[in-house]
Amino acid sequence: MEEKEEEGSDDDFGHQVVMVTTIIALCFLKMLRLMKSRMI
């Protein structure tokens, strides 16, 4: 039972990491677009 709980926590942590990375990537892309628009 303990092993299953640990695996579940690991899965949740993995999902959180994916969400954070996706949010950072979207923000980074938005910043790049703003910089490009300003350069032009």
PDB file of N, CA and C in Angstrom:
ATOM      1  N   MET A   1       0.836  -1.203   0.000  1.00  0.00           N
ATOM      2  CA  MET A   1       0.000   0.000   0.000  1.00  0.00           C
ATOM      3  C   MET A   1       0.880   1.266   0.000  1.00  0.00           C
ATOM      4  N   GLU A   2       1.939   1.249   0.816  1.00  0.00           N
ATOM      5  CA  GLU A   2       2.812   2.427   0.892  1.00  0.00           C
ATOM      6  C   GLU A   2       3.434   2.727  -0.469  1.00  0.00           C
ATOM      7  N   GLU A   3       3.872   1.665  -1.163  1.00  0.00           N
ATOM      8  CA  GLU A   3       4.506   1.868  -2.472  1.00  0.00           C
ATOM      9  C   GLU A   3       3.523   2.537  -3.432  1.00  0.00           C
ATOM     10  N   LYS A   4       2.266   2.078  -3.425  1.00  0.00           N
ATOM     11  CA  LYS A   4       1.274   2.673  -4.326  1.00  0.00           C
ATOM     12  C   LYS A   4       1.104   4.160  -4.006  1.00  0.00           C
ATOM     13  N   GLU A   5       1.043   4.489  -2.716  1.00  0.00           N
ATOM     14  CA  GLU A   5       0.866   5.891  -2.336  1.00  0.00           C
ATOM     15  C   GLU A   5       2.047   6.726  -2.833  1.00  0.00           C
ATOM     16  N   GLU A   6       3.255   6.189  -2.682  1.00  0.00           N
ATOM     17  CA  GLU A   6       4.447   6.920  -3.130  1.00  0.00           C
ATOM     18  C   GLU A   6       4.381   7.142  -4.642  1.00  0.00           C
ATOM     19  N   GLU A   7       3.984   6.108  -5.384  1.00  0.00           N
ATOM     20  CA  GLU A   7       3.894   6.244  -6.842  1.00  0.00           C
ATOM     21  C   GLU A   7       2.878   7.327  -7.194  1.00  0.00           C
ATOM     22  N   GLY A   8       1.756   7.340  -6.460  1.00  0.00           N
ATOM     23  CA  GLY A   8       0.730   8.344  -6.730  1.00  0.00           C
ATOM     24  C   GLY A   8       1.290   9.744  -6.516  1.00  0.00           C
ATOM     25  N   SER A   9       2.031   9.935  -5.426  1.00  0.00           N
ATOM     26  CA  SER A   9       2.604  11.256  -5.146  1.00  0.00           C
ATOM     27  C   SER A   9       3.590  11.631  -6.256  1.00  0.00           C
ATOM     28  N   ASP A  10       4.373  10.660  -6.706  1.00  0.00           N
ATOM     29  CA  ASP A  10       5.336  10.931  -7.781  1.00  0.00           C
ATOM     30  C   ASP A  10       4.583  11.367  -9.040  1.00  0.00           C
ATOM     31  N   ASP A  11       3.479  10.682  -9.353  1.00  0.00           N
ATOM     32  CA  ASP A  11       2.708  11.034 -10.553  1.00  0.00           C
ATOM     33  C   ASP A  11       2.173  12.459 -10.415  1.00  0.00           C
ATOM     34  N   ASP A  12       1.630  12.790  -9.241  1.00  0.00           N
ATOM     35  CA  ASP A  12       1.100  14.135  -9.023  1.00  0.00           C
ATOM     36  C   ASP A  12       2.215  15.163  -9.203  1.00  0.00           C
ATOM     37  N   PHE A  13       3.382  14.882  -8.626  1.00  0.00           N
ATOM     38  CA  PHE A  13       4.516  15.811  -8.738  1.00  0.00           C
ATOM     39  C   PHE A  13       4.888  15.982 -10.208  1.00  0.00           C
ATOM     40  N   GLY A  14       4.898  14.889 -10.955  1.00  0.00           N
ATOM     41  CA  GLY A  14       5.237  14.958 -12.379  1.00  0.00           C
ATOM     42  C   GLY A  14       4.246  15.844 -13.121  1.00  0.00           C
ATOM     43  N   HIS A  15       2.949  15.670 -12.817  1.00  0.00           N
ATOM     44  CA  HIS A  15       1.934  16.482 -13.491  1.00  0.00           C
ATOM     45  C   HIS A  15       2.146  17.960 -13.153  1.00  0.00           C
ATOM     46  N   GLN A  16       2.473  18.245 -11.883  1.00  0.00           N
ATOM     47  CA  GLN A  16       2.694  19.641 -11.478  1.00  0.00           C
ATOM     48  C   GLN A  16       3.864  20.225 -12.259  1.00  0.00           C
ATOM     49  N   VAL A  17       4.933  19.448 -12.401  1.00  0.00           N
ATOM     50  CA  VAL A  17       6.119  19.926 -13.130  1.00  0.00           C
ATOM     51  C   VAL A  17       5.740  20.235 -14.576  1.00  0.00           C
ATOM     52  N   VAL A  18       4.946  19.357 -15.190  1.00  0.00           N
ATOM     53  CA  VAL A  18       4.538  19.563 -16.590  1.00  0.00           C
ATOM     54  C   VAL A  18       3.727  20.852 -16.701  1.00  0.00           C
ATOM     55  N   MET A  19       2.801  21.065 -15.780  1.00  0.00           N
ATOM     56  CA  MET A  19       1.975  22.270 -15.816  1.00  0.00           C
ATOM     57  C   MET A  19       2.844  23.518 -15.685  1.00  0.00           C
ATOM     58  N   VAL A  20       3.785  23.494 -14.739  1.00  0.00           N
ATOM     59  CA  VAL A  20       4.663  24.663 -14.525  1.00  0.00           C
ATOM     60  C   VAL A  20       5.510  24.926 -15.766  1.00  0.00           C
ATOM     61  N   THR A  21       6.077  23.869 -16.333  1.00  0.00           N
ATOM     62  CA  THR A  21       6.935  24.042 -17.515  1.00  0.00           C
ATOM     63  C   THR A  21       6.116  24.595 -18.684  1.00  0.00           C
ATOM     64  N   THR A  22       4.888  24.106 -18.854  1.00  0.00           N
ATOM     65  CA  THR A  22       4.049  24.584 -19.955  1.00  0.00           C
ATOM     66  C   THR A  22       3.711  26.064 -19.756  1.00  0.00           C
ATOM     67  N   ILE A  23       3.388  26.444 -18.521  1.00  0.00           N
ATOM     68  CA  ILE A  23       3.048  27.848 -18.238  1.00  0.00           C
ATOM     69  C   ILE A  23       4.255  28.743 -18.518  1.00  0.00           C
ATOM     70  N   ILE A  24       5.440  28.307 -18.065  1.00  0.00           N
ATOM     71  CA  ILE A  24       6.662  29.098 -18.284  1.00  0.00           C
ATOM     72  C   ILE A  24       6.926  29.219 -19.784  1.00  0.00           C
ATOM     73  N   ALA A  25       6.735  28.117 -20.515  1.00  0.00           N
ATOM     74  CA  ALA A  25       6.985  28.130 -21.962  1.00  0.00           C
ATOM     75  C   ALA A  25       6.033  29.118 -22.640  1.00  0.00           C
ATOM     76  N   LEU A  26       4.755  29.100 -22.261  1.00  0.00           N
ATOM     77  CA  LEU A  26       3.785  30.016 -22.867  1.00  0.00           C
ATOM     78  C   LEU A  26       4.174  31.465 -22.571  1.00  0.00           C
ATOM     79  N   CYS A  27       4.532  31.741 -21.316  1.00  0.00           N
ATOM     80  CA  CYS A  27       4.937  33.111 -20.949  1.00  0.00           C
ATOM     81  C   CYS A  27       6.178  33.522 -21.740  1.00  0.00           C
ATOM     82  N   PHE A  28       7.132  32.587 -21.886  1.00  0.00           N
ATOM     83  CA  PHE A  28       8.367  32.892 -22.614  1.00  0.00           C
ATOM     84  C   PHE A  28       8.046  33.214 -24.072  1.00  0.00           C
ATOM     85  N   LEU A  29       7.140  32.433 -24.683  1.00  0.00           N
ATOM     86  CA  LEU A  29       6.769  32.675 -26.080  1.00  0.00           C
ATOM     87  C   LEU A  29       6.103  34.044 -26.205  1.00  0.00           C
ATOM     88  N   LYS A  30       5.251  34.399 -25.246  1.00  0.00           N
ATOM     89  CA  LYS A  30       4.581  35.703 -25.288  1.00  0.00           C
ATOM     90  C   LYS A  30       5.618  36.816 -25.222  1.00  0.00           C
ATOM     91  N   MET A  31       6.617  36.662 -24.340  1.00  0.00           N
ATOM     92  CA  MET A  31       7.664  37.681 -24.210  1.00  0.00           C
ATOM     93  C   MET A  31       8.423  37.819 -25.527  1.00  0.00           C
ATOM     94  N   LEU A  32       8.734  36.684 -26.169  1.00  0.00           N
ATOM     95  CA  LEU A  32       9.464  36.726 -27.441  1.00  0.00           C
ATOM     96  C   LEU A  32       8.640  37.471 -28.487  1.00  0.00           C
ATOM     97  N   ARG A  33       7.324  37.210 -28.528  1.00  0.00           N
ATOM     98  CA  ARG A  33       6.468  37.886 -29.506  1.00  0.00           C
ATOM     99  C   ARG A  33       6.473  39.388 -29.248  1.00  0.00           C
ATOM    100  N   LEU A  34       6.395  39.786 -27.966  1.00  0.00           N
ATOM    101  CA  LEU A  34       6.399  41.217 -27.637  1.00  0.00           C
ATOM    102  C   LEU A  34       7.718  41.844 -28.079  1.00  0.00           C
ATOM    103  N   MET A  35       8.824  41.164 -27.819  1.00  0.00           N
ATOM    104  CA  MET A  35      10.137  41.696 -28.210  1.00  0.00           C
ATOM    105  C   MET A  35      10.213  41.843 -29.730  1.00  0.00           C
ATOM    106  N   LYS A  36       9.728  40.836 -30.461  1.00  0.00           N
ATOM    107  CA  LYS A  36       9.765  40.893 -31.932  1.00  0.00           C
ATOM    108  C   LYS A  36       8.919  42.066 -32.425  1.00  0.00           C
ATOM    109  N   SER A  37       7.730  42.238 -31.855  1.00  0.00           N
ATOM    110  CA  SER A  37       6.850  43.336 -32.283  1.00  0.00           C
ATOM    111  C   SER A  37       7.526  44.681 -31.998  1.00  0.00           C
ATOM    112  N   ARG A  38       8.233  44.793 -30.884  1.00  0.00           N
ATOM    113  CA  ARG A  38       8.919  46.047 -30.550  1.00  0.00           C
ATOM    114  C   ARG A  38      10.090  46.277 -31.495  1.00  0.00           C
ATOM    115  N   MET A  39      10.826  45.214 -31.804  1.00  0.00           N
ATOM    116  CA  MET A  39      11.973  45.348 -32.712  1.00  0.00           C
ATOM    117  C   MET A  39      11.501  45.841 -34.073  1.00  0.00           C
ATOM    118  N   ILE A  40      10.365  45.335 -34.541  1.00  0.00           N
ATOM    119  CA  ILE A  40       9.836  45.743 -35.846  1.00  0.00           C
ATOM    120  C   ILE A  40       9.132  47.083 -35.663  1.00  0.00           C
TER     121      ILE A  40
END
